[in-house]
Amino acid sequence: MKINYVPVAGSIAEWGNKEAVLKRYEGLNIYTLNRWLAEMRNNKQFGRGVINPTHKLVWINFEVFEEFLYWKQHGYARIKDK
């Protein structure tokens, strides 16, 4: 089964697969991404950002992934301006 994301006109994607994350973050490789996703799954604060409906399919929330990166860098999640 192959699933393709088809964007809806005027909408911004909130979730994507590993390929989408790798395209957004140049220089990030699949090995590091896999380690970070495992780390996210095991962290209560970021576990909501990774969904595995099957063993081959994974969806990553771009906003939660970015929060995770700030947490990795600073040791705390970035507080978003509202």
PDB file of N, CA and C in Angstrom:
ATOM      1  N   MET A   1       0.838  -1.169   0.000  1.00  0.00           N
ATOM      2  CA  MET A   1       0.000   0.000   0.000  1.00  0.00           C
ATOM      3  C   MET A   1       0.887   1.237   0.000  1.00  0.00           C
ATOM      4  N   LYS A   2       0.633   2.146  -0.916  1.00  0.00           N
ATOM      5  CA  LYS A   2       1.379   3.394  -0.985  1.00  0.00           C
ATOM      6  C   LYS A   2       0.404   4.534  -0.740  1.00  0.00           C
ATOM      7  N   ILE A   3       0.763   5.407   0.205  1.00  0.00           N
ATOM      8  CA  ILE A   3      -0.086   6.540   0.540  1.00  0.00           C
ATOM      9  C   ILE A   3       0.637   7.807   0.129  1.00  0.00           C
ATOM     10  N   ASN A   4      -0.013   8.626  -0.654  1.00  0.00           N
ATOM     11  CA  ASN A   4       0.550   9.902  -1.077  1.00  0.00           C
ATOM     12  C   ASN A   4      -0.237  11.030  -0.439  1.00  0.00           C
ATOM     13  N   TYR A   5       0.478  12.008   0.057  1.00  0.00           N
ATOM     14  CA  TYR A   5      -0.170  13.201   0.584  1.00  0.00           C
ATOM     15  C   TYR A   5      -0.552  14.092  -0.588  1.00  0.00           C
ATOM     16  N   VAL A   6      -1.782  14.486  -0.638  1.00  0.00           N
ATOM     17  CA  VAL A   6      -2.264  15.385  -1.687  1.00  0.00           C
ATOM     18  C   VAL A   6      -2.708  16.668  -0.997  1.00  0.00           C
ATOM     19  N   PRO A   7      -1.977  17.761  -1.185  1.00  0.00           N
ATOM     20  CA  PRO A   7      -2.327  18.994  -0.484  1.00  0.00           C
ATOM     21  C   PRO A   7      -3.653  19.571  -0.973  1.00  0.00           C
ATOM     22  N   VAL A   8      -4.381  20.132  -0.055  1.00  0.00           N
ATOM     23  CA  VAL A   8      -5.629  20.809  -0.373  1.00  0.00           C
ATOM     24  C   VAL A   8      -5.283  22.278  -0.593  1.00  0.00           C
ATOM     25  N   ALA A   9      -5.826  22.859  -1.633  1.00  0.00           N
ATOM     26  CA  ALA A   9      -5.511  24.255  -1.960  1.00  0.00           C
ATOM     27  C   ALA A   9      -5.754  25.157  -0.759  1.00  0.00           C
ATOM     28  N   GLY A  10      -4.753  25.959  -0.438  1.00  0.00           N
ATOM     29  CA  GLY A  10      -4.888  26.922   0.646  1.00  0.00           C
ATOM     30  C   GLY A  10      -4.634  26.369   2.033  1.00  0.00           C
ATOM     31  N   SER A  11      -4.275  25.100   2.152  1.00  0.00           N
ATOM     32  CA  SER A  11      -4.016  24.531   3.477  1.00  0.00           C
ATOM     33  C   SER A  11      -2.519  24.286   3.660  1.00  0.00           C
ATOM     34  N   ILE A  12      -2.125  24.215   4.901  1.00  0.00           N
ATOM     35  CA  ILE A  12      -0.730  23.946   5.236  1.00  0.00           C
ATOM     36  C   ILE A  12      -0.668  22.586   5.921  1.00  0.00           C
ATOM     37  N   ALA A  13       0.236  21.738   5.473  1.00  0.00           N
ATOM     38  CA  ALA A  13       0.358  20.394   6.042  1.00  0.00           C
ATOM     39  C   ALA A  13       0.817  20.474   7.495  1.00  0.00           C
ATOM     40  N   GLU A  14       0.184  19.686   8.346  1.00  0.00           N
ATOM     41  CA  GLU A  14       0.565  19.600   9.747  1.00  0.00           C
ATOM     42  C   GLU A  14       1.363  18.330  10.021  1.00  0.00           C
ATOM     43  N   TRP A  15       1.142  17.297   9.223  1.00  0.00           N
ATOM     44  CA  TRP A  15       1.772  15.994   9.416  1.00  0.00           C
ATOM     45  C   TRP A  15       2.455  15.573   8.122  1.00  0.00           C
ATOM     46  N   GLY A  16       3.505  14.775   8.252  1.00  0.00           N
ATOM     47  CA  GLY A  16       4.176  14.237   7.084  1.00  0.00           C
ATOM     48  C   GLY A  16       4.935  12.974   7.455  1.00  0.00           C
ATOM     49  N   ASN A  17       5.449  12.300   6.442  1.00  0.00           N
ATOM     50  CA  ASN A  17       6.230  11.091   6.691  1.00  0.00           C
ATOM     51  C   ASN A  17       7.708  11.465   6.868  1.00  0.00           C
ATOM     52  N   LYS A  18       8.554  10.470   6.989  1.00  0.00           N
ATOM     53  CA  LYS A  18       9.974  10.724   7.201  1.00  0.00           C
ATOM     54  C   LYS A  18      10.589  11.509   6.047  1.00  0.00           C
ATOM     55  N   GLU A  19      10.184  11.188   4.823  1.00  0.00           N
ATOM     56  CA  GLU A  19      10.707  11.907   3.658  1.00  0.00           C
ATOM     57  C   GLU A  19      10.397  13.392   3.743  1.00  0.00           C
ATOM     58  N   ALA A  20       9.200  13.726   4.173  1.00  0.00           N
ATOM     59  CA  ALA A  20       8.804  15.128   4.286  1.00  0.00           C
ATOM     60  C   ALA A  20       9.661  15.854   5.321  1.00  0.00           C
ATOM     61  N   VAL A  21       9.955  15.194   6.433  1.00  0.00           N
ATOM     62  CA  VAL A  21      10.800  15.811   7.464  1.00  0.00           C
ATOM     63  C   VAL A  21      12.212  16.004   6.929  1.00  0.00           C
ATOM     64  N   LEU A  22      12.740  14.992   6.241  1.00  0.00           N
ATOM     65  CA  LEU A  22      14.097  15.095   5.696  1.00  0.00           C
ATOM     66  C   LEU A  22      14.208  16.212   4.664  1.00  0.00           C
ATOM     67  N   LYS A  23      13.138  16.464   3.913  1.00  0.00           N
ATOM     68  CA  LYS A  23      13.144  17.555   2.935  1.00  0.00           C
ATOM     69  C   LYS A  23      13.129  18.911   3.622  1.00  0.00           C
ATOM     70  N   ARG A  24      12.441  18.995   4.748  1.00  0.00           N
ATOM     71  CA  ARG A  24      12.345  20.264   5.477  1.00  0.00           C
ATOM     72  C   ARG A  24      13.645  20.625   6.194  1.00  0.00           C
ATOM     73  N   TYR A  25      14.397  19.637   6.601  1.00  0.00           N
ATOM     74  CA  TYR A  25      15.617  19.879   7.380  1.00  0.00           C
ATOM     75  C   TYR A  25      16.817  19.325   6.625  1.00  0.00           C
ATOM     76  N   GLU A  26      17.407  20.161   5.780  1.00  0.00           N
ATOM     77  CA  GLU A  26      18.569  19.747   4.990  1.00  0.00           C
ATOM     78  C   GLU A  26      19.704  19.355   5.927  1.00  0.00           C
ATOM     79  N   GLY A  27      20.379  18.290   5.595  1.00  0.00           N
ATOM     80  CA  GLY A  27      21.496  17.821   6.402  1.00  0.00           C
ATOM     81  C   GLY A  27      21.104  16.770   7.425  1.00  0.00           C
ATOM     82  N   LEU A  28      19.817  16.666   7.724  1.00  0.00           N
ATOM     83  CA  LEU A  28      19.342  15.622   8.636  1.00  0.00           C
ATOM     84  C   LEU A  28      19.311  14.309   7.872  1.00  0.00           C
ATOM     85  N   ASN A  29      19.904  13.267   8.455  1.00  0.00           N
ATOM     86  CA  ASN A  29      19.893  11.974   7.761  1.00  0.00           C
ATOM     87  C   ASN A  29      18.898  11.024   8.428  1.00  0.00           C
ATOM     88  N   ILE A  30      18.577   9.962   7.738  1.00  0.00           N
ATOM     89  CA  ILE A  30      17.555   9.016   8.177  1.00  0.00           C
ATOM     90  C   ILE A  30      17.920   8.332   9.494  1.00  0.00           C
ATOM     91  N   TYR A  31      19.208   8.099   9.729  1.00  0.00           N
ATOM     92  CA  TYR A  31      19.631   7.427  10.966  1.00  0.00           C
ATOM     93  C   TYR A  31      19.379   8.316  12.175  1.00  0.00           C
ATOM     94  N   THR A  32      19.711   9.588  12.051  1.00  0.00           N
ATOM     95  CA  THR A  32      19.464  10.529  13.142  1.00  0.00           C
ATOM     96  C   THR A  32      17.967  10.717  13.347  1.00  0.00           C
ATOM     97  N   LEU A  33      17.221  10.858  12.256  1.00  0.00           N
ATOM     98  CA  LEU A  33      15.769  11.016  12.358  1.00  0.00           C
ATOM     99  C   LEU A  33      15.143   9.823  13.078  1.00  0.00           C
ATOM    100  N   ASN A  34      15.543   8.619  12.736  1.00  0.00           N
ATOM    101  CA  ASN A  34      14.994   7.424  13.398  1.00  0.00           C
ATOM    102  C   ASN A  34      15.288   7.430  14.896  1.00  0.00           C
ATOM    103  N   ARG A  35      16.489   7.832  15.286  1.00  0.00           N
ATOM    104  CA  ARG A  35      16.839   7.905  16.717  1.00  0.00           C
ATOM    105  C   ARG A  35      15.984   8.952  17.420  1.00  0.00           C
ATOM    106  N   TRP A  36      15.831  10.103  16.777  1.00  0.00           N
ATOM    107  CA  TRP A  36      15.046  11.172  17.378  1.00  0.00           C
ATOM    108  C   TRP A  36      13.580  10.798  17.489  1.00  0.00           C
ATOM    109  N   LEU A  37      13.037  10.112  16.488  1.00  0.00           N
ATOM    110  CA  LEU A  37      11.642   9.681  16.558  1.00  0.00           C
ATOM    111  C   LEU A  37      11.435   8.691  17.698  1.00  0.00           C
ATOM    112  N   ALA A  38      12.391   7.798  17.897  1.00  0.00           N
ATOM    113  CA  ALA A  38      12.304   6.866  19.026  1.00  0.00           C
ATOM    114  C   ALA A  38      12.349   7.636  20.343  1.00  0.00           C
ATOM    115  N   GLU A  39      13.193   8.650  20.408  1.00  0.00           N
ATOM    116  CA  GLU A  39      13.290   9.480  21.603  1.00  0.00           C
ATOM    117  C   GLU A  39      11.975  10.242  21.840  1.00  0.00           C
ATOM    118  N   MET A  40      11.381  10.743  20.766  1.00  0.00           N
ATOM    119  CA  MET A  40      10.098  11.444  20.889  1.00  0.00           C
ATOM    120  C   MET A  40       9.012  10.511  21.402  1.00  0.00           C
ATOM    121  N   ARG A  41       8.946   9.298  20.859  1.00  0.00           N
ATOM    122  CA  ARG A  41       7.917   8.330  21.269  1.00  0.00           C
ATOM    123  C   ARG A  41       8.014   8.022  22.757  1.00  0.00           C
ATOM    124  N   ASN A  42       9.240   7.998  23.284  1.00  0.00           N
ATOM    125  CA  ASN A  42       9.459   7.634  24.683  1.00  0.00           C
ATOM    126  C   ASN A  42       9.355   8.813  25.640  1.00  0.00           C
ATOM    127  N   ASN A  43       9.048   9.997  25.132  1.00  0.00           N
ATOM    128  CA  ASN A  43       8.954  11.188  25.956  1.00  0.00           C
ATOM    129  C   ASN A  43       7.490  11.633  25.996  1.00  0.00           C
ATOM    130  N   LYS A  44       6.914  11.735  27.202  1.00  0.00           N
ATOM    131  CA  LYS A  44       5.501  12.101  27.340  1.00  0.00           C
ATOM    132  C   LYS A  44       5.197  13.448  26.692  1.00  0.00           C
ATOM    133  N   GLN A  45       6.148  14.345  26.723  1.00  0.00           N
ATOM    134  CA  GLN A  45       5.940  15.680  26.184  1.00  0.00           C
ATOM    135  C   GLN A  45       5.828  15.686  24.656  1.00  0.00           C
ATOM    136  N   PHE A  46       6.524  14.752  23.978  1.00  0.00           N
ATOM    137  CA  PHE A  46       6.585  14.776  22.522  1.00  0.00           C
ATOM    138  C   PHE A  46       5.991  13.540  21.846  1.00  0.00           C
ATOM    139  N   GLY A  47       5.584  12.552  22.611  1.00  0.00           N
ATOM    140  CA  GLY A  47       5.044  11.321  22.049  1.00  0.00           C
ATOM    141  C   GLY A  47       3.822  11.532  21.162  1.00  0.00           C
ATOM    142  N   ARG A  48       3.078  12.599  21.438  1.00  0.00           N
ATOM    143  CA  ARG A  48       1.876  12.888  20.641  1.00  0.00           C
ATOM    144  C   ARG A  48       2.216  13.302  19.217  1.00  0.00           C
ATOM    145  N   GLY A  49       3.498  13.566  18.948  1.00  0.00           N
ATOM    146  CA  GLY A  49       3.920  14.043  17.634  1.00  0.00           C
ATOM    147  C   GLY A  49       4.309  12.949  16.659  1.00  0.00           C
ATOM    148  N   VAL A  50       4.233  11.687  17.093  1.00  0.00           N
ATOM    149  CA  VAL A  50       4.596  10.568  16.217  1.00  0.00           C
ATOM    150  C   VAL A  50       3.482   9.532  16.268  1.00  0.00           C
ATOM    151  N   ILE A  51       2.932   9.220  15.106  1.00  0.00           N
ATOM    152  CA  ILE A  51       1.854   8.224  15.014  1.00  0.00           C
ATOM    153  C   ILE A  51       2.325   7.080  14.123  1.00  0.00           C
ATOM    154  N   ASN A  52       2.174   5.848  14.610  1.00  0.00           N
ATOM    155  CA  ASN A  52       2.507   4.649  13.852  1.00  0.00           C
ATOM    156  C   ASN A  52       1.275   3.757  13.736  1.00  0.00           C
ATOM    157  N   PRO A  53       0.419   3.998  12.731  1.00  0.00           N
ATOM    158  CA  PRO A  53      -0.754   3.140  12.596  1.00  0.00           C
ATOM    159  C   PRO A  53      -0.401   1.714  12.179  1.00  0.00           C
ATOM    160  N   THR A  54       0.734   1.533  11.494  1.00  0.00           N
ATOM    161  CA  THR A  54       1.247   0.202  11.156  1.00  0.00           C
ATOM    162  C   THR A  54       2.746   0.214  11.407  1.00  0.00           C
ATOM    163  N   HIS A  55       3.382  -0.941  11.309  1.00  0.00           N
ATOM    164  CA  HIS A  55       4.829  -0.994  11.556  1.00  0.00           C
ATOM    165  C   HIS A  55       5.631  -0.321  10.444  1.00  0.00           C
ATOM    166  N   LYS A  56       5.040  -0.092   9.277  1.00  0.00           N
ATOM    167  CA  LYS A  56       5.754   0.557   8.175  1.00  0.00           C
ATOM    168  C   LYS A  56       5.362   2.016   7.975  1.00  0.00           C
ATOM    169  N   LEU A  57       4.248   2.421   8.543  1.00  0.00           N
ATOM    170  CA  LEU A  57       3.731   3.762   8.308  1.00  0.00           C
ATOM    171  C   LEU A  57       3.953   4.637   9.535  1.00  0.00           C
ATOM    172  N   VAL A  58       4.525   5.817   9.331  1.00  0.00           N
ATOM    173  CA  VAL A  58       4.755   6.755  10.424  1.00  0.00           C
ATOM    174  C   VAL A  58       4.381   8.155   9.950  1.00  0.00           C
ATOM    175  N   TRP A  59       3.704   8.890  10.825  1.00  0.00           N
ATOM    176  CA  TRP A  59       3.358  10.279  10.570  1.00  0.00           C
ATOM    177  C   TRP A  59       3.957  11.121  11.676  1.00  0.00           C
ATOM    178  N   ILE A  60       4.579  12.232  11.288  1.00  0.00           N
ATOM    179  CA  ILE A  60       5.248  13.124  12.233  1.00  0.00           C
ATOM    180  C   ILE A  60       4.575  14.488  12.155  1.00  0.00           C
ATOM    181  N   ASN A  61       4.242  15.036  13.306  1.00  0.00           N
ATOM    182  CA  ASN A  61       3.666  16.368  13.364  1.00  0.00           C
ATOM    183  C   ASN A  61       4.820  17.373  13.295  1.00  0.00           C
ATOM    184  N   PHE A  62       4.785  18.243  12.287  1.00  0.00           N
ATOM    185  CA  PHE A  62       5.891  19.173  12.060  1.00  0.00           C
ATOM    186  C   PHE A  62       6.088  20.137  13.226  1.00  0.00           C
ATOM    187  N   GLU A  63       5.005  20.618  13.819  1.00  0.00           N
ATOM    188  CA  GLU A  63       5.113  21.567  14.924  1.00  0.00           C
ATOM    189  C   GLU A  63       5.723  20.906  16.162  1.00  0.00           C
ATOM    190  N   VAL A  64       5.271  19.703  16.484  1.00  0.00           N
ATOM    191  CA  VAL A  64       5.810  18.986  17.648  1.00  0.00           C
ATOM    192  C   VAL A  64       7.271  18.624  17.404  1.00  0.00           C
ATOM    193  N   PHE A  65       7.622  18.258  16.164  1.00  0.00           N
ATOM    194  CA  PHE A  65       9.011  17.941  15.850  1.00  0.00           C
ATOM    195  C   PHE A  65       9.893  19.167  16.060  1.00  0.00           C
ATOM    196  N   GLU A  66       9.409  20.340  15.660  1.00  0.00           N
ATOM    197  CA  GLU A  66      10.184  21.569  15.860  1.00  0.00           C
ATOM    198  C   GLU A  66      10.343  21.873  17.353  1.00  0.00           C
ATOM    199  N   GLU A  67       9.284  21.667  18.143  1.00  0.00           N
ATOM    200  CA  GLU A  67       9.381  21.834  19.596  1.00  0.00           C
ATOM    201  C   GLU A  67      10.432  20.890  20.166  1.00  0.00           C
ATOM    202  N   PHE A  68      10.456  19.662  19.675  1.00  0.00           N
ATOM    203  CA  PHE A  68      11.435  18.674  20.114  1.00  0.00           C
ATOM    204  C   PHE A  68      12.855  19.147  19.811  1.00  0.00           C
ATOM    205  N   LEU A  69      13.065  19.738  18.640  1.00  0.00           N
ATOM    206  CA  LEU A  69      14.394  20.239  18.283  1.00  0.00           C
ATOM    207  C   LEU A  69      14.841  21.341  19.230  1.00  0.00           C
ATOM    208  N   TYR A  70      13.928  22.256  19.573  1.00  0.00           N
ATOM    209  CA  TYR A  70      14.270  23.297  20.541  1.00  0.00           C
ATOM    210  C   TYR A  70      14.585  22.682  21.901  1.00  0.00           C
ATOM    211  N   TRP A  71      13.815  21.681  22.286  1.00  0.00           N
ATOM    212  CA  TRP A  71      14.055  20.992  23.550  1.00  0.00           C
ATOM    213  C   TRP A  71      15.420  20.308  23.540  1.00  0.00           C
ATOM    214  N   LYS A  72      15.766  19.683  22.409  1.00  0.00           N
ATOM    215  CA  LYS A  72      17.081  19.030  22.287  1.00  0.00           C
ATOM    216  C   LYS A  72      18.196  20.064  22.447  1.00  0.00           C
ATOM    217  N   GLN A  73      18.009  21.233  21.872  1.00  0.00           N
ATOM    218  CA  GLN A  73      19.038  22.263  21.910  1.00  0.00           C
ATOM    219  C   GLN A  73      19.132  22.933  23.280  1.00  0.00           C
ATOM    220  N   HIS A  74      17.993  23.287  23.849  1.00  0.00           N
ATOM    221  CA  HIS A  74      17.979  24.099  25.053  1.00  0.00           C
ATOM    222  C   HIS A  74      17.598  23.344  26.323  1.00  0.00           C
ATOM    223  N   GLY A  75      17.042  22.168  26.180  1.00  0.00           N
ATOM    224  CA  GLY A  75      16.600  21.429  27.350  1.00  0.00           C
ATOM    225  C   GLY A  75      15.192  21.808  27.793  1.00  0.00           C
ATOM    226  N   TYR A  76      14.508  22.611  27.002  1.00  0.00           N
ATOM    227  CA  TYR A  76      13.130  22.978  27.298  1.00  0.00           C
ATOM    228  C   TYR A  76      12.414  23.277  25.990  1.00  0.00           C
ATOM    229  N   ALA A  77      11.106  23.188  26.009  1.00  0.00           N
ATOM    230  CA  ALA A  77      10.324  23.457  24.796  1.00  0.00           C
ATOM    231  C   ALA A  77      10.185  24.957  24.604  1.00  0.00           C
ATOM    232  N   ARG A  78      10.184  25.382  23.374  1.00  0.00           N
ATOM    233  CA  ARG A  78      10.019  26.786  23.030  1.00  0.00           C
ATOM    234  C   ARG A  78       8.584  27.193  23.311  1.00  0.00           C
ATOM    235  N   ILE A  79       8.408  28.352  23.900  1.00  0.00           N
ATOM    236  CA  ILE A  79       7.083  28.879  24.164  1.00  0.00           C
ATOM    237  C   ILE A  79       6.681  29.706  22.968  1.00  0.00           C
ATOM    238  N   LYS A  80       5.590  29.320  22.337  1.00  0.00           N
ATOM    239  CA  LYS A  80       5.143  29.998  21.127  1.00  0.00           C
ATOM    240  C   LYS A  80       4.399  31.271  21.482  1.00  0.00           C
ATOM    241  N   ASP A  81       4.644  32.305  20.702  1.00  0.00           N
ATOM    242  CA  ASP A  81       3.881  33.540  20.827  1.00  0.00           C
ATOM    243  C   ASP A  81       2.512  33.327  20.237  1.00  0.00           C
ATOM    244  N   LYS A  82       1.501  33.756  20.947  1.00  0.00           N
ATOM    245  CA  LYS A  82       0.131  33.561  20.447  1.00  0.00           C
ATOM    246  C   LYS A  82      -0.468  34.873  20.048  1.00  0.00           C
TER     247      LYS A  82
END
